[in-house]
Amino acid sequence: MGASQIYILVSVVTLFVIALLFFLNRKKKQKRLSNLTVSSFIFVISGLIFGENRLISYGLIGTGLVIAVMDIILNKRKKK
């Protein structure tokens, strides 16, 4: 197993632990995640999974980050 595969494995396990802690510590009054946030997570995680092909991996992660920024901007506009 190469260094890049170990990095990807550690990243996926870390994201899984964060998601698990998020669901275990959920309070009743918390807002649900928006569709853009969920799709952003999916793109970033799939970019980590397909890490062998750098072009696809970086493209998926970049797409996830762009969607996350769009979601942040839209949420700030709604609050004003």
N, C-alpha and C. Protein backbone atom coordinates (compact mmCIF):
# COMPACT_ATOMS: atom_id res chain seq x y z
N MET A 1 0.85 -1.17 0.00
CA MET A 1 0.00 0.00 0.00
C MET A 1 0.90 1.24 0.00
N GLY A 2 0.65 2.13 -0.96
CA GLY A 2 1.46 3.32 -1.09
C GLY A 2 1.06 4.41 -0.12
N ALA A 3 1.85 5.46 -0.09
CA ALA A 3 1.59 6.57 0.82
C ALA A 3 0.28 7.27 0.48
N SER A 4 -0.01 7.40 -0.82
CA SER A 4 -1.25 8.09 -1.21
C SER A 4 -2.48 7.29 -0.79
N GLN A 5 -2.40 5.97 -0.88
CA GLN A 5 -3.53 5.14 -0.47
C GLN A 5 -3.74 5.21 1.04
N ILE A 6 -2.67 5.27 1.78
CA ILE A 6 -2.79 5.40 3.24
C ILE A 6 -3.41 6.75 3.59
N TYR A 7 -2.99 7.81 2.89
CA TYR A 7 -3.56 9.13 3.11
C TYR A 7 -5.06 9.15 2.83
N ILE A 8 -5.46 8.53 1.74
CA ILE A 8 -6.88 8.48 1.39
C ILE A 8 -7.65 7.68 2.43
N LEU A 9 -7.11 6.56 2.87
CA LEU A 9 -7.76 5.74 3.88
C LEU A 9 -7.93 6.51 5.18
N VAL A 10 -6.90 7.23 5.61
CA VAL A 10 -6.98 8.02 6.84
C VAL A 10 -8.02 9.13 6.67
N SER A 11 -8.08 9.75 5.50
CA SER A 11 -9.05 10.82 5.26
C SER A 11 -10.48 10.29 5.31
N VAL A 12 -10.72 9.15 4.70
CA VAL A 12 -12.06 8.57 4.68
C VAL A 12 -12.48 8.16 6.09
N VAL A 13 -11.57 7.56 6.84
CA VAL A 13 -11.89 7.16 8.22
C VAL A 13 -12.16 8.39 9.08
N THR A 14 -11.38 9.45 8.89
CA THR A 14 -11.60 10.68 9.65
C THR A 14 -12.96 11.28 9.34
N LEU A 15 -13.32 11.34 8.06
CA LEU A 15 -14.63 11.86 7.68
C LEU A 15 -15.76 11.00 8.24
N PHE A 16 -15.57 9.69 8.26
CA PHE A 16 -16.57 8.80 8.82
C PHE A 16 -16.75 9.05 10.31
N VAL A 17 -15.65 9.23 11.03
CA VAL A 17 -15.73 9.48 12.47
C VAL A 17 -16.42 10.82 12.74
N ILE A 18 -16.11 11.85 11.94
CA ILE A 18 -16.75 13.15 12.11
C ILE A 18 -18.25 13.03 11.85
N ALA A 19 -18.64 12.32 10.79
CA ALA A 19 -20.05 12.13 10.50
C ALA A 19 -20.75 11.36 11.62
N LEU A 20 -20.08 10.34 12.14
CA LEU A 20 -20.65 9.56 13.24
C LEU A 20 -20.85 10.42 14.47
N LEU A 21 -19.86 11.24 14.81
CA LEU A 21 -20.00 12.14 15.96
C LEU A 21 -21.10 13.16 15.74
N PHE A 22 -21.23 13.63 14.50
CA PHE A 22 -22.29 14.59 14.18
C PHE A 22 -23.66 13.98 14.41
N PHE A 23 -23.86 12.76 13.97
CA PHE A 23 -25.16 12.12 14.13
C PHE A 23 -25.43 11.72 15.58
N LEU A 24 -24.42 11.37 16.33
CA LEU A 24 -24.62 11.01 17.73
C LEU A 24 -24.91 12.22 18.60
N ASN A 25 -24.35 13.38 18.27
CA ASN A 25 -24.53 14.58 19.08
C ASN A 25 -25.63 15.49 18.55
N ARG A 26 -26.46 14.97 17.71
CA ARG A 26 -27.50 15.78 17.09
C ARG A 26 -28.52 16.24 18.13
N LYS A 27 -28.85 17.50 18.08
CA LYS A 27 -29.87 18.04 18.96
C LYS A 27 -31.16 18.17 18.17
N LYS A 28 -32.24 18.35 18.87
CA LYS A 28 -33.55 18.40 18.22
C LYS A 28 -33.74 19.67 17.40
N LYS A 29 -33.14 20.79 17.80
CA LYS A 29 -33.40 22.06 17.15
C LYS A 29 -32.42 22.37 16.02
N GLN A 30 -31.51 21.48 15.70
CA GLN A 30 -30.56 21.75 14.64
C GLN A 30 -31.23 21.71 13.27
N LYS A 31 -30.75 22.57 12.39
CA LYS A 31 -31.28 22.58 11.03
C LYS A 31 -30.76 21.38 10.27
N ARG A 32 -31.56 20.94 9.33
CA ARG A 32 -31.12 19.86 8.45
C ARG A 32 -30.14 20.44 7.44
N LEU A 33 -29.28 19.58 6.92
CA LEU A 33 -28.33 20.02 5.91
C LEU A 33 -29.07 20.31 4.61
N SER A 34 -28.65 21.35 3.92
CA SER A 34 -29.28 21.69 2.66
C SER A 34 -28.83 20.71 1.57
N ASN A 35 -29.56 20.70 0.48
CA ASN A 35 -29.21 19.81 -0.63
C ASN A 35 -27.84 20.14 -1.21
N LEU A 36 -27.49 21.43 -1.24
CA LEU A 36 -26.17 21.81 -1.75
C LEU A 36 -25.06 21.32 -0.83
N THR A 37 -25.29 21.36 0.46
CA THR A 37 -24.28 20.88 1.41
C THR A 37 -24.07 19.38 1.26
N VAL A 38 -25.16 18.64 1.13
CA VAL A 38 -25.06 17.19 0.96
C VAL A 38 -24.33 16.84 -0.33
N SER A 39 -24.67 17.54 -1.42
CA SER A 39 -24.00 17.25 -2.69
C SER A 39 -22.52 17.63 -2.62
N SER A 40 -22.20 18.69 -1.89
CA SER A 40 -20.81 19.07 -1.72
C SER A 40 -20.02 17.98 -0.99
N PHE A 41 -20.59 17.44 0.09
CA PHE A 41 -19.95 16.34 0.80
C PHE A 41 -19.76 15.13 -0.11
N ILE A 42 -20.75 14.83 -0.91
CA ILE A 42 -20.67 13.67 -1.80
C ILE A 42 -19.55 13.85 -2.81
N PHE A 43 -19.42 15.04 -3.38
CA PHE A 43 -18.35 15.28 -4.35
C PHE A 43 -16.97 15.18 -3.71
N VAL A 44 -16.81 15.75 -2.53
CA VAL A 44 -15.51 15.71 -1.86
C VAL A 44 -15.14 14.28 -1.48
N ILE A 45 -16.08 13.55 -0.92
CA ILE A 45 -15.79 12.17 -0.52
C ILE A 45 -15.51 11.30 -1.73
N SER A 46 -16.27 11.48 -2.81
CA SER A 46 -15.99 10.69 -4.01
C SER A 46 -14.64 11.08 -4.61
N GLY A 47 -14.24 12.33 -4.47
CA GLY A 47 -12.91 12.73 -4.91
C GLY A 47 -11.82 12.04 -4.12
N LEU A 48 -12.06 11.82 -2.83
CA LEU A 48 -11.10 11.08 -2.02
C LEU A 48 -11.08 9.60 -2.39
N ILE A 49 -12.24 9.07 -2.71
CA ILE A 49 -12.32 7.64 -3.05
C ILE A 49 -11.61 7.37 -4.38
N PHE A 50 -11.82 8.25 -5.36
CA PHE A 50 -11.21 8.06 -6.67
C PHE A 50 -9.86 8.77 -6.75
N GLY A 51 -9.04 8.63 -5.73
CA GLY A 51 -7.76 9.32 -5.64
C GLY A 51 -6.69 8.80 -6.56
N GLU A 52 -6.90 7.65 -7.16
CA GLU A 52 -5.87 7.09 -8.04
C GLU A 52 -5.71 7.92 -9.30
N ASN A 53 -6.80 8.41 -9.85
CA ASN A 53 -6.75 9.26 -11.04
C ASN A 53 -6.82 10.71 -10.56
N ARG A 54 -5.69 11.41 -10.63
CA ARG A 54 -5.62 12.75 -10.04
C ARG A 54 -6.56 13.74 -10.72
N LEU A 55 -6.71 13.66 -12.02
CA LEU A 55 -7.56 14.61 -12.73
C LEU A 55 -9.01 14.49 -12.24
N ILE A 56 -9.51 13.28 -12.15
CA ILE A 56 -10.88 13.06 -11.67
C ILE A 56 -11.00 13.44 -10.20
N SER A 57 -10.02 13.03 -9.41
CA SER A 57 -10.05 13.29 -7.97
C SER A 57 -10.07 14.79 -7.67
N TYR A 58 -9.14 15.52 -8.25
CA TYR A 58 -9.09 16.97 -8.01
C TYR A 58 -10.31 17.67 -8.59
N GLY A 59 -10.82 17.18 -9.70
CA GLY A 59 -12.02 17.77 -10.27
C GLY A 59 -13.22 17.61 -9.36
N LEU A 60 -13.38 16.42 -8.78
CA LEU A 60 -14.51 16.18 -7.87
C LEU A 60 -14.37 17.01 -6.58
N ILE A 61 -13.17 17.08 -6.04
CA ILE A 61 -12.96 17.86 -4.83
C ILE A 61 -13.19 19.34 -5.11
N GLY A 62 -12.69 19.82 -6.24
CA GLY A 62 -12.91 21.22 -6.61
C GLY A 62 -14.37 21.54 -6.81
N THR A 63 -15.11 20.61 -7.45
CA THR A 63 -16.54 20.81 -7.64
C THR A 63 -17.26 20.87 -6.29
N GLY A 64 -16.87 20.01 -5.36
CA GLY A 64 -17.46 20.03 -4.03
C GLY A 64 -17.18 21.34 -3.30
N LEU A 65 -15.98 21.87 -3.46
CA LEU A 65 -15.66 23.14 -2.80
C LEU A 65 -16.43 24.30 -3.42
N VAL A 66 -16.59 24.30 -4.74
CA VAL A 66 -17.36 25.36 -5.39
C VAL A 66 -18.82 25.32 -4.94
N ILE A 67 -19.38 24.12 -4.85
CA ILE A 67 -20.77 23.99 -4.39
C ILE A 67 -20.90 24.44 -2.94
N ALA A 68 -19.91 24.13 -2.10
CA ALA A 68 -19.95 24.56 -0.70
C ALA A 68 -19.91 26.09 -0.60
N VAL A 69 -19.08 26.74 -1.40
CA VAL A 69 -19.01 28.20 -1.38
C VAL A 69 -20.33 28.79 -1.86
N MET A 70 -20.93 28.20 -2.90
CA MET A 70 -22.23 28.68 -3.38
C MET A 70 -23.28 28.57 -2.27
N ASP A 71 -23.26 27.47 -1.53
CA ASP A 71 -24.21 27.28 -0.44
C ASP A 71 -24.01 28.32 0.65
N ILE A 72 -22.77 28.63 0.98
CA ILE A 72 -22.49 29.64 2.00
C ILE A 72 -23.00 31.00 1.55
N ILE A 73 -22.76 31.35 0.29
CA ILE A 73 -23.22 32.64 -0.22
C ILE A 73 -24.74 32.72 -0.21
N LEU A 74 -25.40 31.65 -0.66
CA LEU A 74 -26.87 31.66 -0.68
C LEU A 74 -27.46 31.75 0.73
N ASN A 75 -26.85 31.07 1.69
CA ASN A 75 -27.34 31.13 3.08
C ASN A 75 -27.15 32.52 3.67
N LYS A 76 -26.05 33.19 3.36
CA LYS A 76 -25.84 34.54 3.88
C LYS A 76 -26.84 35.52 3.28
N ARG A 77 -27.17 35.35 2.01
CA ARG A 77 -28.15 36.23 1.37
C ARG A 77 -29.55 36.03 1.95
N LYS A 78 -29.89 34.79 2.31
CA LYS A 78 -31.21 34.52 2.88
C LYS A 78 -31.35 35.14 4.27
N LYS A 79 -30.26 35.21 5.03
CA LYS A 79 -30.32 35.72 6.40
C LYS A 79 -30.45 37.23 6.44
N LYS A 80 -30.09 37.93 5.37
CA LYS A 80 -30.16 39.40 5.37
C LYS A 80 -31.56 39.89 5.18
